[in-house]
């Protein structure tokens, strides 16, 4: 991982940051979409698949408002991925 972080100003006190690829195979990857604000960092972890056109596509999102109570989503992060976040 590069030590450089590219940020893109959105509005006062808020900037988005380039995605951080946490894990990747030939067909799938897990990325962290970080953002910075005046009180810290926030973001989301997204699982993606490579599309027929060669670009990365988000895997179908889950609408938690309609998810049955006994269901959930788990995205496992290996040691290398956790190190990239620290």
Protein backbone atom coordinates (compact mmCIF):
# COMPACT_ATOMS: atom_id res chain seq x y z
CA UNK A 1 0.00 0.00 0.00
CA UNK A 2 1.22 3.46 -0.84
CA UNK A 3 1.88 5.94 1.95
CA UNK A 4 0.17 8.66 -0.09
CA UNK A 5 -3.47 9.46 0.50
CA UNK A 6 -5.38 11.44 -2.13
CA UNK A 7 -8.33 13.41 -0.85
CA UNK A 8 -10.98 15.18 -2.86
CA UNK A 9 -12.71 18.16 -1.29
CA UNK A 10 -16.51 17.91 -1.36
CA UNK A 11 -17.62 20.71 0.95
CA UNK A 12 -16.37 22.54 4.01
CA UNK A 13 -15.13 20.01 6.54
CA UNK A 14 -15.72 16.97 4.30
CA UNK A 15 -13.54 15.17 1.76
CA UNK A 16 -13.64 11.78 0.09
CA UNK A 17 -10.51 9.68 -0.09
CA UNK A 18 -9.35 7.28 -2.81
CA UNK A 19 -10.60 3.73 -2.29
CA UNK A 20 -8.36 1.34 -0.41
CA UNK A 21 -8.32 -2.17 -1.89
CA UNK A 22 -8.31 -4.52 1.09
CA UNK A 23 -8.36 -7.90 -0.68
CA UNK A 24 -8.45 -8.88 -4.33
CA UNK A 25 -8.62 -11.95 -6.55
CA UNK A 26 -8.92 -12.10 -10.35
CA UNK A 27 -12.72 -11.77 -10.14
CA UNK A 28 -13.60 -10.17 -6.79
CA UNK A 29 -12.30 -7.55 -4.41
CA UNK A 30 -13.19 -5.90 -1.11
CA UNK A 31 -12.61 -2.16 -0.89
CA UNK A 32 -12.91 0.50 1.79
CA UNK A 33 -14.56 3.74 0.61
CA UNK A 34 -13.21 6.24 3.18
CA UNK A 35 -14.26 9.82 3.80
CA UNK A 36 -12.82 12.42 6.17
CA UNK A 37 -14.77 14.96 8.17
CA UNK A 38 -13.92 17.41 10.92
CA UNK A 39 -14.35 14.78 13.66
CA UNK A 40 -12.54 11.86 12.01
CA UNK A 41 -12.88 9.20 9.34
CA UNK A 42 -15.89 7.21 8.23
CA UNK A 43 -16.54 4.87 5.33
CA UNK A 44 -18.02 1.70 4.00
CA UNK A 45 -16.67 -1.70 3.08
CA UNK A 46 -17.91 -2.92 -0.29
CA UNK A 47 -17.56 -6.26 -2.06
CA UNK A 48 -17.14 -5.99 -5.84
CA UNK A 49 -17.01 -8.33 -8.86
CA UNK A 50 -15.37 -7.66 -12.18
CA UNK A 51 -17.97 -6.96 -14.87
CA UNK A 52 -18.05 -8.20 -18.45
CA UNK A 53 -16.70 -4.79 -19.49
CA UNK A 54 -13.65 -5.20 -17.21
CA UNK A 55 -14.74 -2.63 -14.61
CA UNK A 56 -15.46 -3.32 -10.95
CA UNK A 57 -19.16 -3.53 -10.04
CA UNK A 58 -20.63 -3.47 -6.55
CA UNK A 59 -22.19 -6.82 -5.67
CA UNK A 60 -25.96 -6.54 -5.13
CA UNK A 61 -26.66 -4.40 -2.11
CA UNK A 62 -28.81 -5.62 0.75
CA UNK A 63 -31.65 -3.40 1.93
CA UNK A 64 -31.47 -3.82 5.71
CA UNK A 65 -34.94 -2.28 6.09
CA UNK A 66 -36.48 -5.37 4.46
CA UNK A 67 -34.05 -8.00 5.75
CA UNK A 68 -35.65 -10.67 7.97
CA UNK A 69 -34.58 -10.48 11.64
CA UNK A 70 -32.57 -13.71 11.45
CA UNK A 71 -30.45 -12.59 8.45
CA UNK A 72 -27.36 -10.44 8.07
CA UNK A 73 -24.29 -9.77 6.00
CA UNK A 74 -20.73 -10.64 6.90
CA UNK A 75 -17.62 -9.51 5.06
CA UNK A 76 -14.52 -11.19 6.43
CA UNK A 77 -11.29 -9.19 6.47
CA UNK A 78 -7.99 -11.04 6.59
CA UNK A 79 -4.95 -9.84 8.53
CA UNK A 80 -3.49 -7.98 5.55
CA UNK A 81 -6.76 -6.07 5.04
CA UNK A 82 -6.88 -5.04 8.69
CA UNK A 83 -3.27 -3.83 8.47
CA UNK A 84 -4.24 -1.60 5.54
CA UNK A 85 -6.91 0.04 7.69
CA UNK A 86 -4.61 0.74 10.63
